[in-house]
Protein backbone atom coordinates (compact mmCIF):
# COMPACT_ATOMS: atom_id res chain seq x y z
CA UNK A 1 180.41 77.60 57.13
CA UNK A 2 180.13 75.36 60.19
CA UNK A 3 181.76 78.01 62.39
CA UNK A 4 179.33 80.67 61.14
CA UNK A 5 176.36 78.41 61.80
CA UNK A 6 177.53 77.56 65.33
CA UNK A 7 178.02 81.27 66.04
CA UNK A 8 174.56 82.02 64.66
CA UNK A 9 172.94 79.34 66.81
CA UNK A 10 174.64 80.69 69.94
CA UNK A 11 173.25 84.16 69.24
CA UNK A 12 169.66 83.07 68.63
CA UNK A 13 168.64 83.48 72.31
CA UNK A 14 169.93 87.07 72.20
CA UNK A 15 167.75 87.87 69.19
CA UNK A 16 164.76 86.12 70.73
CA UNK A 17 165.13 88.20 73.89
CA UNK A 18 165.54 91.38 71.86
CA UNK A 19 162.45 90.53 69.85
CA UNK A 20 160.37 89.97 72.97
CA UNK A 21 161.63 93.23 74.46
CA UNK A 22 161.04 95.31 71.36
CA UNK A 23 157.81 93.61 70.34
CA UNK A 24 159.06 93.29 66.75
CA UNK A 25 162.28 92.98 64.75
CA UNK A 26 161.85 96.12 62.67
CA UNK A 27 164.98 98.26 62.62
CA UNK A 28 164.64 101.39 64.81
CA UNK A 29 164.35 104.67 62.92
CA UNK A 30 165.77 108.01 64.04
CA UNK A 31 165.83 111.50 62.55
CA UNK A 32 165.04 111.88 58.83
CA UNK A 33 164.14 108.19 58.55
CA UNK A 34 167.71 107.03 59.16
CA UNK A 35 168.43 103.67 60.76
CA UNK A 36 169.55 103.83 64.38
CA UNK A 37 172.81 101.88 64.98
CA UNK A 38 172.72 99.17 67.61
CA UNK A 39 174.18 95.80 68.60
CA UNK A 40 171.05 93.76 67.85
CA UNK A 41 170.52 94.97 64.29
CA UNK A 42 174.13 95.68 63.29
CA UNK A 43 175.99 92.79 64.92
CA UNK A 44 173.86 90.00 66.37
CA UNK A 45 171.21 89.64 63.66
CA UNK A 46 173.71 89.83 60.75
CA UNK A 47 175.87 87.18 62.47
CA UNK A 48 172.88 84.87 62.73
CA UNK A 49 171.80 85.69 59.21
CA UNK A 50 175.21 84.97 57.69
CA UNK A 51 175.30 81.61 59.45
CA UNK A 52 171.83 80.69 58.24
CA UNK A 53 172.52 81.97 54.72
CA UNK A 54 175.65 79.83 54.55
CA UNK A 55 173.69 76.83 55.77
CA UNK A 56 171.18 77.45 52.97
CA UNK A 57 174.04 77.36 50.46
CA UNK A 58 174.03 81.10 49.72
CA UNK A 59 177.39 82.84 49.11
CA UNK A 60 178.60 84.65 52.24
CA UNK A 61 181.61 86.97 52.17
CA UNK A 62 183.79 87.77 55.17
CA UNK A 63 185.25 90.88 53.51
CA UNK A 64 185.16 94.11 55.47
CA UNK A 65 182.48 96.40 54.07
CA UNK A 66 183.73 99.37 52.05
CA UNK A 67 182.56 102.95 52.53
CA UNK A 68 180.80 102.72 49.17
CA UNK A 69 178.92 99.58 50.18
CA UNK A 70 177.92 101.13 53.50
CA UNK A 71 176.62 104.20 51.66
CA UNK A 72 174.63 102.05 49.25
CA UNK A 73 173.05 100.09 52.10
CA UNK A 74 172.07 103.29 53.87
CA UNK A 75 170.64 104.88 50.72
CA UNK A 76 168.69 101.81 49.65
CA UNK A 77 167.29 101.09 53.10
CA UNK A 78 164.73 103.91 52.97
CA UNK A 79 163.19 102.27 49.89
CA UNK A 80 162.86 98.93 51.65
CA UNK A 81 160.79 100.39 54.48
CA UNK A 82 158.25 103.19 54.72
CA UNK A 83 158.37 105.04 58.01
CA UNK A 84 155.75 107.51 56.75
CA UNK A 85 153.24 104.69 56.27
CA UNK A 86 154.14 102.47 59.23
CA UNK A 87 154.25 98.84 58.11
CA UNK A 88 152.71 99.00 54.63
CA UNK A 89 155.90 97.45 53.30
CA UNK A 90 156.31 95.06 56.23
CA UNK A 91 159.25 96.59 58.11
CA UNK A 92 159.90 93.50 60.25
CA UNK A 93 160.08 91.22 57.21
CA UNK A 94 162.45 93.68 55.56
CA UNK A 95 164.82 93.57 58.52
CA UNK A 96 164.82 89.77 58.58
CA UNK A 97 165.68 89.76 54.88
CA UNK A 98 168.32 92.48 55.25
CA UNK A 99 170.13 90.50 57.93
CA UNK A 100 169.64 87.26 55.92
CA UNK A 101 167.80 85.48 58.74
CA UNK A 102 165.08 84.55 56.27
CA UNK A 103 165.67 83.80 52.57
CA UNK A 104 165.59 86.73 50.14
CA UNK A 105 162.70 87.61 47.81
CA UNK A 106 159.97 87.20 50.47
CA UNK A 107 158.97 90.75 49.54
CA UNK A 108 157.65 89.45 46.21
CA UNK A 109 154.50 88.44 48.09
CA UNK A 110 153.73 92.02 49.11
CA UNK A 111 150.40 93.30 47.88
CA UNK A 112 150.28 96.67 46.09
CA UNK A 113 146.87 97.35 47.72
CA UNK A 114 148.47 97.85 51.13
CA UNK A 115 149.46 101.49 50.58
CA UNK A 116 145.94 102.41 49.42
CA UNK A 117 144.49 100.61 52.45
CA UNK A 118 146.73 102.72 54.70
CA UNK A 119 145.54 105.89 52.94
CA UNK A 120 141.88 104.95 53.38
CA UNK A 121 142.33 104.15 57.05
CA UNK A 122 144.15 107.41 57.78
CA UNK A 123 141.71 110.16 58.74
CA UNK A 124 142.03 113.47 56.86
CA UNK A 125 139.91 116.59 57.16
CA UNK A 126 139.64 116.74 53.37
CA UNK A 127 139.55 113.95 50.80
CA UNK A 128 141.83 116.10 48.63
CA UNK A 129 144.56 115.72 51.23
CA UNK A 130 145.01 112.08 50.30
CA UNK A 131 146.10 113.17 46.82
CA UNK A 132 148.56 115.61 48.39
CA UNK A 133 149.90 112.83 50.60
CA UNK A 134 150.54 110.53 47.64
CA UNK A 135 152.19 113.39 45.76
CA UNK A 136 154.50 114.19 48.68
CA UNK A 137 155.53 110.57 49.05
CA UNK A 138 156.32 110.22 45.34
CA UNK A 139 158.26 113.49 45.34
CA UNK A 140 160.28 112.37 48.37
CA UNK A 141 161.25 109.22 46.47
CA UNK A 142 162.16 111.16 43.32
CA UNK A 143 164.35 113.52 45.33
CA UNK A 144 166.27 110.59 46.84
CA UNK A 145 166.58 108.24 43.84
CA UNK A 146 169.49 110.06 42.07
CA UNK A 147 171.81 109.80 45.09
CA UNK A 148 170.77 106.17 45.54
CA UNK A 149 171.62 105.45 41.91
CA UNK A 150 175.00 107.14 42.41
CA UNK A 151 175.71 105.01 45.50
CA UNK A 152 174.85 101.83 43.59
CA UNK A 153 177.06 102.92 40.70
CA UNK A 154 179.98 103.41 43.11
CA UNK A 155 179.57 99.84 44.41
CA UNK A 156 179.46 98.48 40.86
CA UNK A 157 182.83 100.18 40.32
CA UNK A 158 184.20 98.68 43.56
CA UNK A 159 183.24 95.20 42.36
CA UNK A 160 184.94 95.91 39.03
CA UNK A 161 188.10 97.08 40.77
CA UNK A 162 188.14 93.96 42.94
CA UNK A 163 187.97 91.78 39.82
CA UNK A 164 190.81 93.72 38.18
CA UNK A 165 192.97 93.49 41.30
CA UNK A 166 192.26 89.77 41.64
CA UNK A 167 193.24 89.12 38.03
CA UNK A 168 196.51 91.00 38.42
CA UNK A 169 197.51 89.83 41.88
CA UNK A 170 195.78 86.47 42.16
CA UNK A 171 198.95 84.37 42.29
CA UNK A 172 200.14 85.99 45.50
CA UNK A 173 196.79 86.17 47.31
CA UNK A 174 195.22 83.75 49.82
CA UNK A 175 193.63 80.74 48.08
CA UNK A 176 190.09 81.67 49.15
CA UNK A 177 190.31 85.26 47.88
CA UNK A 178 188.62 84.52 44.54
CA UNK A 179 185.65 82.91 46.32
CA UNK A 180 185.38 85.90 48.63
CA UNK A 181 185.36 88.35 45.71
CA UNK A 182 182.62 86.35 43.99
CA UNK A 183 180.59 86.07 47.20
CA UNK A 184 180.73 89.82 47.86
CA UNK A 185 179.73 90.55 44.26
CA UNK A 186 176.78 88.18 44.70
CA UNK A 187 175.75 89.95 47.92
CA UNK A 188 175.97 93.38 46.31
CA UNK A 189 174.07 92.26 43.21
CA UNK A 190 171.33 90.69 45.35
CA UNK A 191 170.98 93.92 47.34
CA UNK A 192 170.70 96.00 44.16
CA UNK A 193 168.09 93.59 42.77
CA UNK A 194 166.15 93.98 46.02
CA UNK A 195 166.22 97.76 45.58
CA UNK A 196 164.82 97.39 42.06
CA UNK A 197 161.98 95.23 43.36
CA UNK A 198 161.30 97.74 46.15
CA UNK A 199 161.22 100.67 43.72
CA UNK A 200 158.81 98.82 41.45
CA UNK A 201 156.65 97.95 44.44
CA UNK A 202 156.45 101.58 45.51
CA UNK A 203 155.60 102.74 42.01
CA UNK A 204 152.90 100.09 41.59
CA UNK A 205 151.48 100.92 45.03
CA UNK A 206 151.28 104.63 44.20
CA UNK A 207 149.74 103.84 40.81
CA UNK A 208 147.10 101.58 42.35
CA UNK A 209 146.32 104.17 45.02
CA UNK A 210 145.86 106.95 42.48
CA UNK A 211 143.57 104.85 40.31
CA UNK A 212 141.54 103.88 43.36
CA UNK A 213 141.29 107.45 44.62
CA UNK A 214 140.05 108.56 41.20
CA UNK A 215 137.10 106.23 41.61
CA UNK A 216 136.49 106.77 45.31
CA UNK A 217 137.05 110.55 45.64
CA UNK A 218 137.70 112.17 42.23
CA UNK A 219 139.41 115.58 42.46
CA UNK A 220 141.43 117.82 40.16
CA UNK A 221 144.52 117.27 42.35
CA UNK A 222 144.87 113.90 40.66
CA UNK A 223 146.41 115.60 37.60
CA UNK A 224 149.44 116.85 39.51
CA UNK A 225 149.93 113.48 41.22
CA UNK A 226 149.69 111.70 37.88
CA UNK A 227 152.40 113.94 36.42
CA UNK A 228 154.66 113.31 39.42
CA UNK A 229 154.13 109.57 39.06
CA UNK A 230 155.06 109.80 35.39
CA UNK A 231 158.35 111.44 36.39
CA UNK A 232 159.02 108.57 38.77
CA UNK A 233 158.36 106.07 35.98
CA UNK A 234 161.55 107.19 34.22
CA UNK A 235 163.65 106.19 37.21
CA UNK A 236 161.77 102.92 37.51
CA UNK A 237 162.56 102.17 33.87
CA UNK A 238 166.25 102.90 34.42
CA UNK A 239 166.32 100.73 37.54
CA UNK A 240 164.74 97.83 35.67
CA UNK A 241 167.51 98.16 33.05
CA UNK A 242 170.11 98.44 35.84
CA UNK A 243 171.12 101.76 34.33
CA UNK A 244 172.49 103.32 37.51
CA UNK A 245 175.63 104.95 36.16
CA UNK A 246 174.38 106.82 33.10
CA UNK A 247 171.92 109.57 32.23
CA UNK A 248 170.91 112.69 34.11
CA UNK A 249 167.88 113.78 36.04
CA UNK A 250 164.86 113.09 33.80
CA UNK A 251 163.38 116.54 34.33
CA UNK A 252 166.58 117.99 32.87
CA UNK A 253 166.31 115.85 29.78
CA UNK A 254 167.76 112.36 29.79
CA UNK A 255 166.10 111.17 26.60
CA UNK A 256 163.85 108.69 28.40
CA UNK A 257 160.18 108.60 27.49
CA UNK A 258 157.58 109.11 30.17
CA UNK A 259 154.66 106.74 30.40
CA UNK A 260 151.43 108.15 28.89
CA UNK A 261 149.14 110.02 31.20
CA UNK A 262 146.13 108.08 32.40
CA UNK A 263 144.08 111.05 31.18
CA UNK A 264 145.43 111.01 27.65
CA UNK A 265 144.58 108.41 25.02
CA UNK A 266 147.12 107.37 22.35
CA UNK A 267 147.06 109.92 19.54
CA UNK A 268 145.13 112.50 21.54
CA UNK A 269 146.62 115.91 22.21
CA UNK A 270 143.91 117.04 24.60
CA UNK A 271 144.17 116.17 28.26
CA UNK A 272 140.86 114.93 29.63
CA UNK A 273 140.09 116.12 33.13
CA UNK A 274 138.58 113.61 35.54
CA UNK A 275 134.89 114.18 36.16
C-alpha cells in the first residue's frame, strides 16, 4: 500500500498539469461516444487513484485486467457519462470516481432535474422536438443495455471461476493470491453497483423530464415517449435485482411487468390522452 501511495503522490503533478492543459478531467470522447485511450486517463490517473484508494482502506487488486472486465468497463462507461447532454451527469466527477481519485458514490448527490434543465436550455424550433429528443435518448439506452448486461454477466462468471481455481489450487499459489481475488471481486462488484445507480439515475431523469414537459408543453408525442420509458423500466428492475445473466429482451417477452402508464389509472382499460 505504501508503495502505491508513494507512486500516486509522485504522479500528482502530472495530473495537475494535464488538468490545467485540458481545462477539466473528463475523459475524452471519440467516435460513437467511445473513450479515447491516453496516458493521463488510462495510466497516470488510475495509478494515483489506486494509491489513494489503498490509503483510504479500500481493496485494491494488482491483477491484470481480463478481456471480459475490459469489455464491461467499456460498455458501462457510456451510462456513467452523457456525451449527448454535455455534463448533465457530471463527466469530470465520473472520471475522478472511475480512476478512484475520489471516493465512490459521489454520484448519489446528482440531481434528477439536471437533464430537464439541459432540455429547457437547448433551443429547438418546435417544442415537440424535446419529446423526440427524450425518446431518442431512452431508445439509445435500451438498445445498449442488453450487451451491457451480457458483459457484466461474463465478469460475474470470471469472478466465479477465480474462486473455483483458488479453492482447488490455493495450496500452491502465492500467499497473497486469496486477498487479490477478493479485492478484484470487490472492485468488479463496486463497478456493477455504480452501473445500477447510473441506470436508475438516467431513468429517473427521463421520468422527471417527461412529467415536466407534460406540464410545460403538453403534446401527443408524450404517449410514445411514455411507452418507451416503460420498456426501459423493465431493464431498470432487472438491474436493481442484479439479474444480468437471465431473461431475454423484454419486448420479446421476458415475463417482467411494465410499470403502469402515467395516462392509465389502476383498473382502467382506457388510455387518457394528455390535454
